[in-house]
């Protein structure tokens, strides 16, 4: 059977996440059993801040990874979170009233920053929602400083046969029903979740896209039996001019 392509148009994604924004954090923590905290904790330790260049978290949602990076840096470097859903940014700003994290409305496909600006460009569970994945990856790479890192935390599918069947049933049948019960919306956000994960490239396929976007030293680390995966790539350092003889 032919699989229907998930509608990831900017209009649909923006409206859908705007509707679930008020209970987005609660549902994430409940549906993941709280393990999402550990995934972000792991990310900021595997891709830690170094130096004084700022950090950018795209598709930041309500800002959890941006806040994790601010905490990891001890407030010593500027942290910016961007998202194109206004309601999500409102929640992030409310959560960060005592924080100096800056939140800005921006589309990851057209980031409003100069090239070679950020030491780390991160995204947690948001890249698969970008309409054009490769355009988003190229923009993330563009604004990263030479020698800096791009960190992508994203859902993936477990490889253990038994756990994979159990998790697939939960992800496809249980999660959408719980999500709809607590966060009713017109656009079936929690049906969209398993559909978008199923069609999003993972493992070596996503690593290859990162390399095509201009990153090298790309590696990936499955987390929690492969439910999520952390992808890390480095933007090549500026080459020294060739010396003459």
Protein backbone atom coordinates (compact mmCIF):
# COMPACT_ATOMS: atom_id res chain seq x y z
CA UNK A 1 0.00 0.00 0.00
CA UNK A 2 1.14 3.53 -0.75
CA UNK A 3 1.90 5.57 2.36
CA UNK A 4 0.27 9.00 2.44
CA UNK A 5 2.78 11.81 2.85
CA UNK A 6 2.34 13.74 6.09
CA UNK A 7 1.24 17.34 5.60
CA UNK A 8 4.07 19.42 7.09
CA UNK A 9 3.08 22.73 5.55
CA UNK A 10 4.03 25.75 7.61
CA UNK A 11 0.38 26.73 8.03
CA UNK A 12 -0.70 23.33 9.36
CA UNK A 13 2.25 22.87 11.73
CA UNK A 14 1.98 26.41 13.11
CA UNK A 15 -1.75 26.10 13.75
CA UNK A 16 -1.50 22.61 15.23
CA UNK A 17 1.23 23.47 17.73
CA UNK A 18 -0.43 26.75 18.56
CA UNK A 19 -3.51 24.82 19.67
CA UNK A 20 -1.64 22.42 21.96
CA UNK A 21 0.79 25.00 23.40
CA UNK A 22 -1.01 25.44 26.78
CA UNK A 23 -0.53 21.76 27.71
CA UNK A 24 2.47 20.94 25.57
CA UNK A 25 4.93 20.57 28.46
CA UNK A 26 2.60 18.49 30.61
CA UNK A 27 1.80 16.09 27.79
CA UNK A 28 5.46 15.69 26.78
CA UNK A 29 6.46 14.73 30.32
CA UNK A 30 3.47 12.43 30.86
CA UNK A 31 3.66 10.65 27.52
CA UNK A 32 7.43 10.11 27.75
CA UNK A 33 7.31 9.05 31.40
CA UNK A 34 9.63 11.95 32.21
CA UNK A 35 12.52 10.51 30.20
CA UNK A 36 12.53 13.63 27.99
CA UNK A 37 14.33 15.43 30.84
CA UNK A 38 17.16 12.92 30.60
CA UNK A 39 17.38 13.19 26.83
CA UNK A 40 18.01 16.95 27.07
CA UNK A 41 20.41 16.45 30.00
CA UNK A 42 22.35 14.01 27.83
CA UNK A 43 22.37 16.39 24.87
CA UNK A 44 23.93 19.32 26.71
CA UNK A 45 26.62 17.04 28.14
CA UNK A 46 27.51 15.38 24.87
CA UNK A 47 27.54 18.74 23.05
CA UNK A 48 28.67 21.15 25.79
CA UNK A 49 29.27 24.89 25.42
CA UNK A 50 32.87 26.02 24.97
CA UNK A 51 34.15 29.56 24.59
CA UNK A 52 31.97 32.66 24.47
CA UNK A 53 30.06 32.42 21.16
CA UNK A 54 26.26 32.29 21.55
CA UNK A 55 24.07 29.18 21.29
CA UNK A 56 20.96 28.85 19.12
CA UNK A 57 18.09 26.42 19.73
CA UNK A 58 15.76 26.27 16.73
CA UNK A 59 12.17 24.95 16.76
CA UNK A 60 12.55 25.66 20.46
CA UNK A 61 8.87 25.16 21.34
CA UNK A 62 8.51 26.10 24.99
CA UNK A 63 12.27 26.44 25.39
CA UNK A 64 13.31 23.40 27.43
CA UNK A 65 16.54 22.69 25.53
CA UNK A 66 17.41 26.40 25.42
CA UNK A 67 17.00 26.55 29.21
CA UNK A 68 19.12 23.40 29.59
CA UNK A 69 21.92 25.05 27.59
CA UNK A 70 21.70 28.23 29.64
CA UNK A 71 22.02 26.18 32.84
CA UNK A 72 24.91 24.13 31.43
CA UNK A 73 26.79 27.29 30.42
CA UNK A 74 26.25 28.86 33.83
CA UNK A 75 24.73 31.88 32.12
CA UNK A 76 28.13 32.77 30.64
CA UNK A 77 27.07 32.71 26.99
CA UNK A 78 23.99 34.15 25.28
CA UNK A 79 21.31 31.58 24.40
CA UNK A 80 18.63 32.26 21.78
CA UNK A 81 15.57 30.15 21.08
CA UNK A 82 13.61 30.48 17.83
CA UNK A 83 10.24 29.09 16.75
CA UNK A 84 7.62 30.13 14.24
CA UNK A 85 4.66 29.36 16.53
CA UNK A 86 3.75 32.45 18.54
CA UNK A 87 1.83 30.54 21.22
CA UNK A 88 4.82 28.29 21.93
CA UNK A 89 7.08 31.31 22.32
CA UNK A 90 4.60 32.87 24.73
CA UNK A 91 4.88 29.77 26.94
CA UNK A 92 8.67 29.84 26.69
CA UNK A 93 8.80 33.50 27.73
CA UNK A 94 6.48 32.86 30.67
CA UNK A 95 8.69 30.00 31.85
CA UNK A 96 11.83 32.06 31.38
CA UNK A 97 10.84 35.30 33.10
CA UNK A 98 13.78 34.98 35.47
CA UNK A 99 16.09 33.84 32.67
CA UNK A 100 18.07 35.85 30.14
CA UNK A 101 17.32 33.42 27.29
CA UNK A 102 16.09 35.44 24.29
CA UNK A 103 13.16 34.00 22.34
CA UNK A 104 12.47 35.12 18.78
CA UNK A 105 9.84 34.23 16.19
CA UNK A 106 11.65 32.76 13.18
CA UNK A 107 11.32 29.99 10.59
CA UNK A 108 14.21 27.51 10.71
CA UNK A 109 14.22 27.49 6.90
CA UNK A 110 15.07 31.22 6.85
CA UNK A 111 17.02 32.06 10.00
CA UNK A 112 17.51 35.83 10.55
CA UNK A 113 21.15 35.60 11.63
CA UNK A 114 24.50 36.19 9.93
CA UNK A 115 26.52 33.18 8.86
CA UNK A 116 29.14 31.78 11.28
CA UNK A 117 27.50 33.12 14.47
CA UNK A 118 26.71 30.30 16.93
CA UNK A 119 29.03 27.78 18.60
CA UNK A 120 26.14 25.29 18.91
CA UNK A 121 22.94 25.10 16.89
CA UNK A 122 20.51 22.63 18.46
CA UNK A 123 17.02 21.30 17.88
CA UNK A 124 14.96 18.90 19.99
CA UNK A 125 12.07 17.03 18.39
CA UNK A 126 11.48 19.82 15.91
CA UNK A 127 13.46 19.10 12.76
CA UNK A 128 10.91 16.57 11.50
CA UNK A 129 8.28 19.36 11.63
CA UNK A 130 10.27 21.61 9.28
CA UNK A 131 8.61 21.56 5.88
CA UNK A 132 11.90 21.13 3.98
CA UNK A 133 14.32 19.16 6.15
CA UNK A 134 17.36 19.82 3.99
CA UNK A 135 16.73 23.57 3.85
CA UNK A 136 16.49 23.61 7.65
CA UNK A 137 19.74 21.65 7.98
CA UNK A 138 21.56 23.99 5.60
CA UNK A 139 20.37 27.03 7.55
CA UNK A 140 21.45 25.48 10.86
CA UNK A 141 24.86 24.76 9.34
CA UNK A 142 25.15 28.23 7.81
CA UNK A 143 24.70 30.09 11.10
CA UNK A 144 27.05 27.73 12.99
CA UNK A 145 30.64 28.95 13.43
CA UNK A 146 33.39 27.01 11.64
CA UNK A 147 34.42 24.29 14.08
CA UNK A 148 31.08 24.57 15.89
CA UNK A 149 28.53 21.79 16.32
CA UNK A 150 24.97 21.03 15.26
CA UNK A 151 23.00 18.82 17.68
CA UNK A 152 19.74 17.17 16.66
CA UNK A 153 17.64 15.29 19.22
CA UNK A 154 14.82 13.45 17.48
CA UNK A 155 12.45 10.54 17.89
CA UNK A 156 13.42 7.28 16.22
CA UNK A 157 12.25 3.69 16.08
CA UNK A 158 13.63 1.00 18.44
CA UNK A 159 15.55 -1.85 16.82
CA UNK A 160 14.91 -4.60 19.39
CA UNK A 161 12.13 -6.70 17.76
CA UNK A 162 10.08 -7.26 20.92
CA UNK A 163 10.39 -3.74 22.29
CA UNK A 164 9.79 -2.33 18.81
CA UNK A 165 6.38 -4.03 18.55
CA UNK A 166 5.32 -2.91 22.04
CA UNK A 167 6.49 0.65 21.49
CA UNK A 168 4.92 0.85 18.02
CA UNK A 169 1.54 -0.15 19.46
CA UNK A 170 1.83 2.46 22.24
CA UNK A 171 3.03 5.15 19.85
CA UNK A 172 0.33 4.57 17.25
CA UNK A 173 -2.73 3.64 19.32
CA UNK A 174 -2.31 4.71 22.96
CA UNK A 175 -0.37 7.97 22.73
CA UNK A 176 -2.80 9.71 20.32
CA UNK A 177 -5.79 8.87 22.50
CA UNK A 178 -4.17 10.16 25.69
CA UNK A 179 -2.91 13.24 23.88
CA UNK A 180 -6.31 14.08 22.47
CA UNK A 181 -7.95 13.56 25.87
CA UNK A 182 -5.77 16.16 27.58
CA UNK A 183 -5.00 18.51 24.70
CA UNK A 184 -7.98 18.56 22.34
CA UNK A 185 -7.22 20.26 19.06
CA UNK A 186 -8.63 20.44 15.57
CA UNK A 187 -5.56 19.14 13.79
CA UNK A 188 -4.89 15.80 15.53
CA UNK A 189 -1.41 16.69 16.79
CA UNK A 190 -0.94 13.37 18.54
CA UNK A 191 -1.92 11.42 15.44
CA UNK A 192 0.52 13.57 13.49
CA UNK A 193 3.32 12.58 15.89
CA UNK A 194 3.59 8.85 15.00
CA UNK A 195 2.94 9.61 11.33
CA UNK A 196 5.72 12.19 11.15
CA UNK A 197 8.17 9.96 13.04
CA UNK A 198 7.42 7.01 10.76
CA UNK A 199 8.24 9.04 7.64
CA UNK A 200 11.23 10.98 8.95
CA UNK A 201 14.74 9.74 8.04
CA UNK A 202 16.70 8.26 10.92
CA UNK A 203 20.09 6.76 11.66
CA UNK A 204 22.46 6.76 8.72
CA UNK A 205 19.82 8.33 6.45
CA UNK A 206 19.63 11.49 8.56
CA UNK A 207 23.40 11.48 9.07
CA UNK A 208 23.79 11.51 5.28
CA UNK A 209 21.49 14.53 5.01
CA UNK A 210 23.59 16.32 7.63
CA UNK A 211 26.71 15.65 5.59
CA UNK A 212 24.99 16.92 2.44
CA UNK A 213 24.16 20.11 4.36
CA UNK A 214 27.87 20.70 4.94
CA UNK A 215 28.62 18.99 8.25
CA UNK A 216 31.35 16.45 8.90
CA UNK A 217 32.35 14.15 11.77
CA UNK A 218 28.66 13.21 11.88
CA UNK A 219 27.75 10.57 14.44
CA UNK A 220 24.57 9.44 16.15
CA UNK A 221 23.74 7.90 19.52
CA UNK A 222 20.49 5.97 20.15
CA UNK A 223 18.92 6.77 23.53
CA UNK A 224 16.52 4.70 25.67
CA UNK A 225 16.46 1.60 23.44
CA UNK A 226 16.34 3.77 20.33
CA UNK A 227 13.17 5.70 21.18
CA UNK A 228 15.18 8.85 20.55
CA UNK A 229 18.50 9.49 18.84
CA UNK A 230 21.03 12.27 19.27
CA UNK A 231 22.81 13.30 16.06
CA UNK A 232 25.96 15.43 16.22
CA UNK A 233 27.84 17.06 13.36
CA UNK A 234 30.65 19.58 13.17
CA UNK A 235 30.92 22.45 10.70
CA UNK A 236 34.35 22.24 9.05
CA UNK A 237 36.83 24.81 10.29
CA UNK A 238 37.85 27.47 7.80
CA UNK A 239 40.70 26.12 5.72
CA UNK A 240 43.99 27.95 5.79
CA UNK A 241 44.95 29.57 2.48
CA UNK A 242 47.25 27.36 0.44
CA UNK A 243 50.84 28.42 0.91
CA UNK A 244 52.93 29.25 -2.13
CA UNK A 245 56.34 27.81 -2.93
